[in-house]
Protein backbone atom coordinates (compact mmCIF):
# COMPACT_ATOMS: atom_id res chain seq x y z
CA UNK A 1 68.21 -17.65 13.59
CA UNK A 2 65.96 -15.49 11.31
CA UNK A 3 67.91 -16.46 8.18
CA UNK A 4 67.44 -20.29 8.61
CA UNK A 5 63.44 -19.73 9.12
CA UNK A 6 63.03 -16.98 5.84
CA UNK A 7 65.69 -19.40 3.60
CA UNK A 8 63.37 -22.92 3.22
CA UNK A 9 60.00 -20.05 2.29
CA UNK A 10 62.12 -18.30 -0.48
CA UNK A 11 62.90 -21.59 -2.26
CA UNK A 12 59.36 -22.35 -2.13
CA UNK A 13 58.23 -19.53 -3.35
CA UNK A 14 60.95 -19.58 -6.16
CA UNK A 15 60.02 -23.31 -6.82
CA UNK A 16 56.10 -22.38 -6.81
CA UNK A 17 57.29 -19.81 -9.54
CA UNK A 18 58.80 -21.77 -11.77
CA UNK A 19 56.25 -24.00 -11.86
CA UNK A 20 53.99 -22.13 -12.55
CA UNK A 21 55.67 -20.28 -15.37
CA UNK A 22 56.07 -23.90 -17.15
CA UNK A 23 52.60 -25.01 -16.68
CA UNK A 24 50.49 -25.75 -20.11
CA UNK A 25 47.86 -23.29 -20.85
CA UNK A 26 44.36 -24.32 -19.51
CA UNK A 27 42.70 -26.68 -21.63
CA UNK A 28 38.92 -26.93 -22.10
CA UNK A 29 36.89 -27.84 -19.10
CA UNK A 30 36.33 -31.59 -18.24
CA UNK A 31 32.24 -30.26 -17.99
CA UNK A 32 32.44 -28.55 -21.48
CA UNK A 33 33.97 -31.49 -23.60
CA UNK A 34 31.23 -33.45 -21.51
CA UNK A 35 28.46 -31.37 -22.75
CA UNK A 36 29.94 -31.14 -26.23
CA UNK A 37 30.11 -35.02 -26.38
CA UNK A 38 26.89 -35.58 -25.24
CA UNK A 39 25.08 -32.91 -27.24
CA UNK A 40 26.94 -34.18 -30.49
CA UNK A 41 25.67 -38.00 -29.74
CA UNK A 42 22.03 -36.33 -29.10
CA UNK A 43 22.03 -35.15 -32.48
CA UNK A 44 23.98 -37.79 -34.63
CA UNK A 45 21.38 -39.49 -35.87
CA UNK A 46 18.54 -36.97 -35.81
CA UNK A 47 16.51 -36.99 -39.23
CA UNK A 48 17.46 -33.43 -40.01
CA UNK A 49 19.71 -30.31 -39.12
CA UNK A 50 19.91 -28.82 -35.26
CA UNK A 51 21.31 -25.55 -34.83
CA UNK A 52 21.87 -24.05 -31.33
CA UNK A 53 23.55 -21.26 -28.80
CA UNK A 54 22.98 -21.44 -25.19
CA UNK A 55 24.30 -19.32 -22.60
CA UNK A 56 24.21 -19.35 -18.34
CA UNK A 57 23.38 -15.53 -17.81
CA UNK A 58 25.29 -16.15 -14.08
CA UNK A 59 28.04 -17.63 -15.06
CA UNK A 60 29.16 -16.59 -18.56
CA UNK A 61 29.28 -20.44 -19.55
CA UNK A 62 28.30 -20.73 -23.34
CA UNK A 63 27.86 -23.31 -25.69
CA UNK A 64 26.80 -23.45 -29.42
CA UNK A 65 26.41 -25.66 -32.50
CA UNK A 66 26.31 -24.38 -35.91
CA UNK A 67 25.28 -21.32 -34.00
CA UNK A 68 26.15 -18.44 -36.71
CA UNK A 69 24.41 -20.59 -39.32
CA UNK A 70 20.96 -18.49 -40.74
CA UNK A 71 18.22 -20.37 -39.98
CA UNK A 72 14.37 -20.16 -40.43
CA UNK A 73 12.78 -18.70 -37.44
CA UNK A 74 9.43 -19.54 -38.15
CA UNK A 75 6.86 -18.03 -35.46
CA UNK A 76 10.23 -17.07 -33.24
CA UNK A 77 10.13 -14.03 -35.20
CA UNK A 78 7.41 -12.52 -33.47
CA UNK A 79 9.85 -11.77 -30.35
CA UNK A 80 11.11 -8.95 -32.47
CA UNK A 81 7.86 -7.63 -33.55
CA UNK A 82 6.62 -7.81 -29.98
CA UNK A 83 10.19 -5.58 -29.56
CA UNK A 84 9.17 -3.13 -32.20
CA UNK A 85 5.50 -3.08 -30.87
CA UNK A 86 7.00 -1.90 -27.35
CA UNK A 87 9.38 0.37 -28.95
CA UNK A 88 7.21 2.39 -30.33
CA UNK A 89 4.70 2.24 -27.46
CA UNK A 90 7.43 3.77 -25.52
CA UNK A 91 8.60 6.86 -28.43
CA UNK A 92 4.72 7.63 -28.27
CA UNK A 93 4.34 6.51 -31.92
CA UNK A 94 1.30 4.36 -30.75
CA UNK A 95 -0.62 3.50 -27.85
CA UNK A 96 -1.82 -0.19 -26.43
CA UNK A 97 -5.15 0.74 -26.93
CA UNK A 98 -5.43 1.85 -30.23
CA UNK A 99 -7.82 -0.50 -32.20
CA UNK A 100 -7.02 -2.51 -34.84
CA UNK A 101 -9.84 -3.77 -36.96
CA UNK A 102 -10.47 -7.33 -37.59
CA UNK A 103 -12.20 -7.95 -41.15
CA UNK A 104 -12.52 -11.80 -42.67
CA UNK A 105 -9.96 -10.43 -45.68
CA UNK A 106 -7.44 -10.24 -42.70
CA UNK A 107 -7.60 -13.89 -41.42
CA UNK A 108 -4.69 -16.19 -41.95
CA UNK A 109 -4.55 -19.78 -41.46
CA UNK A 110 -2.25 -21.41 -38.99
CA UNK A 111 -1.89 -21.14 -35.03
CA UNK A 112 -4.18 -18.82 -32.81
CA UNK A 113 -7.89 -18.17 -32.12
CA UNK A 114 -9.03 -14.84 -34.45
CA UNK A 115 -9.96 -16.71 -37.20
CA UNK A 116 -13.02 -17.70 -34.87
CA UNK A 117 -13.64 -13.79 -34.54
CA UNK A 118 -16.52 -12.03 -36.07
CA UNK A 119 -16.03 -9.75 -39.31
CA UNK A 120 -15.40 -6.22 -38.21
CA UNK A 121 -14.32 -6.91 -34.44
CA UNK A 122 -12.07 -4.30 -33.02
CA UNK A 123 -9.18 -5.43 -30.80
CA UNK A 124 -7.18 -3.02 -28.65
CA UNK A 125 -3.10 -3.46 -30.15
CA UNK A 126 -2.13 -5.03 -26.08
CA UNK A 127 -4.68 -7.96 -26.83
CA UNK A 128 -3.44 -8.63 -30.45
CA UNK A 129 0.10 -8.65 -28.90
CA UNK A 130 -0.73 -11.11 -26.20
CA UNK A 131 -2.47 -13.47 -28.50
CA UNK A 132 0.43 -13.11 -30.82
CA UNK A 133 2.91 -14.45 -28.42
CA UNK A 134 1.11 -16.40 -25.96
CA UNK A 135 -0.69 -18.60 -28.76
CA UNK A 136 0.98 -17.55 -31.92
CA UNK A 137 -1.89 -16.14 -33.54
CA UNK A 138 -0.78 -15.63 -36.71
CA UNK A 139 -3.95 -12.95 -37.70
CA UNK A 140 -2.83 -10.51 -34.76
CA UNK A 141 0.88 -10.83 -36.06
CA UNK A 142 -0.60 -9.67 -39.55
CA UNK A 143 -2.42 -7.05 -37.83
CA UNK A 144 0.52 -5.61 -35.55
CA UNK A 145 2.68 -5.37 -38.38
CA UNK A 146 -0.12 -3.44 -40.47
CA UNK A 147 0.61 -0.60 -37.67
CA UNK A 148 4.65 -0.89 -37.12
CA UNK A 149 5.89 -2.41 -40.69
CA UNK A 150 8.73 -5.17 -41.14
CA UNK A 151 10.98 -2.44 -41.93
CA UNK A 152 10.98 -0.93 -38.38
CA UNK A 153 11.46 -4.70 -36.95
CA UNK A 154 14.14 -4.52 -38.66
CA UNK A 155 15.53 -1.43 -38.02
CA UNK A 156 15.24 -2.05 -34.36
CA UNK A 157 17.11 -5.40 -34.69
CA UNK A 158 20.02 -3.56 -36.40
CA UNK A 159 20.08 -0.78 -33.80
CA UNK A 160 20.11 -3.63 -31.01
CA UNK A 161 23.47 -4.85 -32.92
CA UNK A 162 21.32 -7.87 -34.36
CA UNK A 163 22.25 -8.34 -37.86
CA UNK A 164 20.91 -11.55 -38.76
CA UNK A 165 17.52 -11.20 -37.39
CA UNK A 166 15.28 -10.46 -40.14
CA UNK A 167 11.78 -10.45 -40.65
CA UNK A 168 10.74 -10.78 -44.09
CA UNK A 169 6.97 -10.57 -44.65
CA UNK A 170 3.83 -10.83 -42.92
CA UNK A 171 2.43 -14.25 -41.99
CA UNK A 172 1.19 -15.63 -45.63
CA UNK A 173 2.54 -12.88 -47.61
CA UNK A 174 2.51 -9.39 -48.36
CA UNK A 175 3.85 -6.57 -46.62
CA UNK A 176 7.32 -7.19 -47.62
CA UNK A 177 10.58 -5.84 -46.19
CA UNK A 178 13.48 -4.59 -47.82
CA UNK A 179 15.07 -7.64 -46.86
CA UNK A 180 12.07 -9.84 -48.17
CA UNK A 181 12.25 -8.34 -51.56
CA UNK A 182 16.04 -9.71 -51.50
CA UNK A 183 15.67 -12.80 -53.71
CA UNK A 184 18.12 -14.49 -51.62
CA UNK A 185 16.12 -14.46 -48.51
CA UNK A 186 12.97 -15.92 -50.13
CA UNK A 187 14.03 -19.33 -48.74
CA UNK A 188 13.71 -18.20 -45.37
CA UNK A 189 10.14 -17.74 -45.49
CA UNK A 190 8.94 -15.58 -42.30
CA UNK A 191 11.96 -14.40 -41.06
CA UNK A 192 15.81 -15.68 -40.72
CA UNK A 193 18.12 -15.53 -37.69
CA UNK A 194 21.27 -17.17 -35.90
CA UNK A 195 20.94 -19.17 -32.93
CA UNK A 196 23.26 -17.01 -31.37
CA UNK A 197 21.44 -13.63 -31.80
CA UNK A 198 18.12 -14.79 -30.96
CA UNK A 199 19.72 -16.20 -27.96
CA UNK A 200 21.42 -12.91 -27.51
CA UNK A 201 18.06 -11.11 -27.58
CA UNK A 202 16.96 -13.14 -24.65
CA UNK A 203 19.61 -11.86 -22.69
CA UNK A 204 19.52 -8.43 -23.27
CA UNK A 205 15.62 -8.85 -22.27
CA UNK A 206 17.12 -10.62 -19.00
CA UNK A 207 19.45 -7.83 -18.42
CA UNK A 208 16.79 -5.08 -19.19
CA UNK A 209 18.71 -3.89 -22.12
CA UNK A 210 15.62 -3.65 -24.45
CA UNK A 211 14.18 -0.18 -24.80
CA UNK A 212 14.10 0.11 -20.89
CA UNK A 213 13.60 -2.16 -17.87
CA UNK A 214 9.97 -2.11 -17.17
CA UNK A 215 9.62 -2.62 -21.07
CA UNK A 216 11.97 -5.86 -21.08
CA UNK A 217 10.25 -6.84 -17.73
CA UNK A 218 6.84 -6.98 -19.65
CA UNK A 219 7.78 -8.53 -22.69
CA UNK A 220 9.69 -11.30 -20.22
CA UNK A 221 6.41 -11.56 -18.52
CA UNK A 222 4.33 -12.38 -21.64
CA UNK A 223 6.66 -14.69 -22.77
CA UNK A 224 6.52 -16.76 -19.65
CA UNK A 225 2.81 -16.99 -20.79
CA UNK A 226 3.20 -18.93 -23.53
CA UNK A 227 0.98 -21.74 -23.99
CA UNK A 228 2.83 -24.23 -26.10
CA UNK A 229 6.03 -26.29 -24.23
CA UNK A 230 6.23 -29.21 -26.51
CA UNK A 231 9.62 -28.23 -27.20
CA UNK A 232 12.13 -26.87 -24.63
CA UNK A 233 11.49 -27.51 -20.96
CA UNK A 234 8.99 -30.23 -21.86
CA UNK A 235 9.61 -32.52 -19.04
CA UNK A 236 10.43 -29.84 -16.24
CA UNK A 237 8.00 -29.19 -13.66
CA UNK A 238 7.82 -26.08 -11.48
CA UNK A 239 10.63 -24.42 -13.14
CA UNK A 240 9.67 -21.21 -14.72
CA UNK A 241 10.33 -20.74 -18.59
CA UNK A 242 10.26 -17.69 -20.74
CA UNK A 243 9.81 -18.79 -24.53
CA UNK A 244 8.45 -18.68 -27.67
CA UNK A 245 7.99 -21.58 -30.31
CA UNK A 246 8.11 -21.72 -34.27
CA UNK A 247 6.79 -24.62 -35.89
CA UNK A 248 6.96 -25.62 -40.05
CA UNK A 249 6.26 -28.78 -41.80
CA UNK A 250 9.87 -29.55 -41.42
CA UNK A 251 11.09 -27.24 -38.64
CA UNK A 252 10.54 -26.97 -35.04
CA UNK A 253 12.05 -24.23 -32.87
CA UNK A 254 12.58 -22.38 -29.69
CA UNK A 255 14.00 -19.65 -28.31
CA UNK A 256 13.74 -18.40 -24.39
CA UNK A 257 15.21 -18.77 -20.99
CA UNK A 258 15.12 -21.67 -18.56
CA UNK A 259 15.08 -20.19 -15.13
CA UNK A 260 16.59 -23.20 -13.63
CA UNK A 261 18.30 -23.64 -9.82
CA UNK A 262 21.65 -24.00 -11.24
CA UNK A 263 21.56 -20.69 -13.38
CA UNK A 264 19.38 -18.67 -16.24
CA UNK A 265 19.69 -20.45 -19.08
CA UNK A 266 19.29 -18.63 -22.21
CA UNK A 267 18.79 -20.54 -25.35
CA UNK A 268 18.04 -20.73 -29.00
CA UNK A 269 17.59 -24.01 -30.43
CA UNK A 270 16.22 -24.95 -34.31
CA UNK A 271 15.76 -28.62 -35.84
CA UNK A 272 14.88 -28.05 -39.48
CA UNK A 273 14.99 -30.17 -42.74
CA UNK A 274 13.24 -33.21 -41.08
CA UNK A 275 11.87 -35.67 -43.67
CA UNK A 276 8.68 -36.08 -42.46
CA UNK A 277 5.59 -34.14 -41.88
CA UNK A 278 4.32 -34.67 -38.38
CA UNK A 279 1.94 -32.02 -36.28
CA UNK A 280 1.43 -34.36 -33.04
CA UNK A 281 3.03 -33.29 -29.75
CA UNK A 282 5.37 -36.02 -30.34
CA UNK A 283 7.08 -34.84 -33.60
CA UNK A 284 10.92 -35.62 -33.49
CA UNK A 285 11.76 -31.95 -33.27
CA UNK A 286 9.93 -31.36 -30.32
CA UNK A 287 11.29 -34.33 -28.56
CA UNK A 288 15.02 -33.17 -29.50
CA UNK A 289 14.05 -29.80 -28.29
CA UNK A 290 13.23 -31.26 -25.06
CA UNK A 291 16.43 -33.53 -24.54
CA UNK A 292 18.82 -30.70 -25.84
CA UNK A 293 16.96 -28.29 -23.37
CA UNK A 294 18.06 -30.87 -20.30
CA UNK A 295 21.37 -31.45 -21.61
CA UNK A 296 22.08 -27.42 -22.06
CA UNK A 297 20.55 -26.71 -18.41
CA UNK A 298 22.56 -29.45 -17.07
CA UNK A 299 25.90 -28.59 -19.01
CA UNK A 300 26.16 -25.07 -18.63
CA UNK A 301 24.28 -25.47 -15.18
CA UNK A 302 26.84 -23.87 -12.31
């Protein structure tokens, strides 16, 4: 009686083993294939080049398009400058209360508010850093670089294993780093990076792996206060976003994390080589950043 009961079970187990052994290797999931198709369909008629990388920090799912291409950073390189400032404070080299002298000669055009301040004003380092990240103040950026130096920023990125994120100089020129003196890097302007490494830097911040847990938390808190939301997450309401935007005549770029209900999606997206100059909120690059961020958040969501 015992033999009759066990024999079918043995045959079932043997049959299951044979089926598993002969099964083909798992293919790319339908969801991943769908996301790839949606992204490529979205960008195929875009007038310019799109490079991006994104990762769901909760599931590990990733997607990239030209993810390892070296791109111009524009103001997204200010993220690396912020990291170095926090590192030097943690090391005791500088203090948040150190006062930086603003003069008319040090003012540079572009984004920010310090060009409206009086000649001779002294500003704490902490205030300058907040202005650099929250309103992308170019003058504040240069005041910080006079203190921490561009070469130190690059050395910090190297130490973090980010070999492609490089700051070339101050905004508007001057203060060239060693990387910036390389003629091959002149085409990148302010800075260079790859989408994969910029997204990785965001992941390291979210995982409290940059300097220390408290510093990582503070840097993300500053990024959550950025005042420009014309790109990634543009149409998302009630969703927390930590971000940094970059813009040039032919470029729009975003680096950050969208804290969606379906996961924390770290991403870096750059739209470059756009043929027409458009400094309105409806720049085609901003609209593309918005649509791609939604596709990535949905497609990589758990």
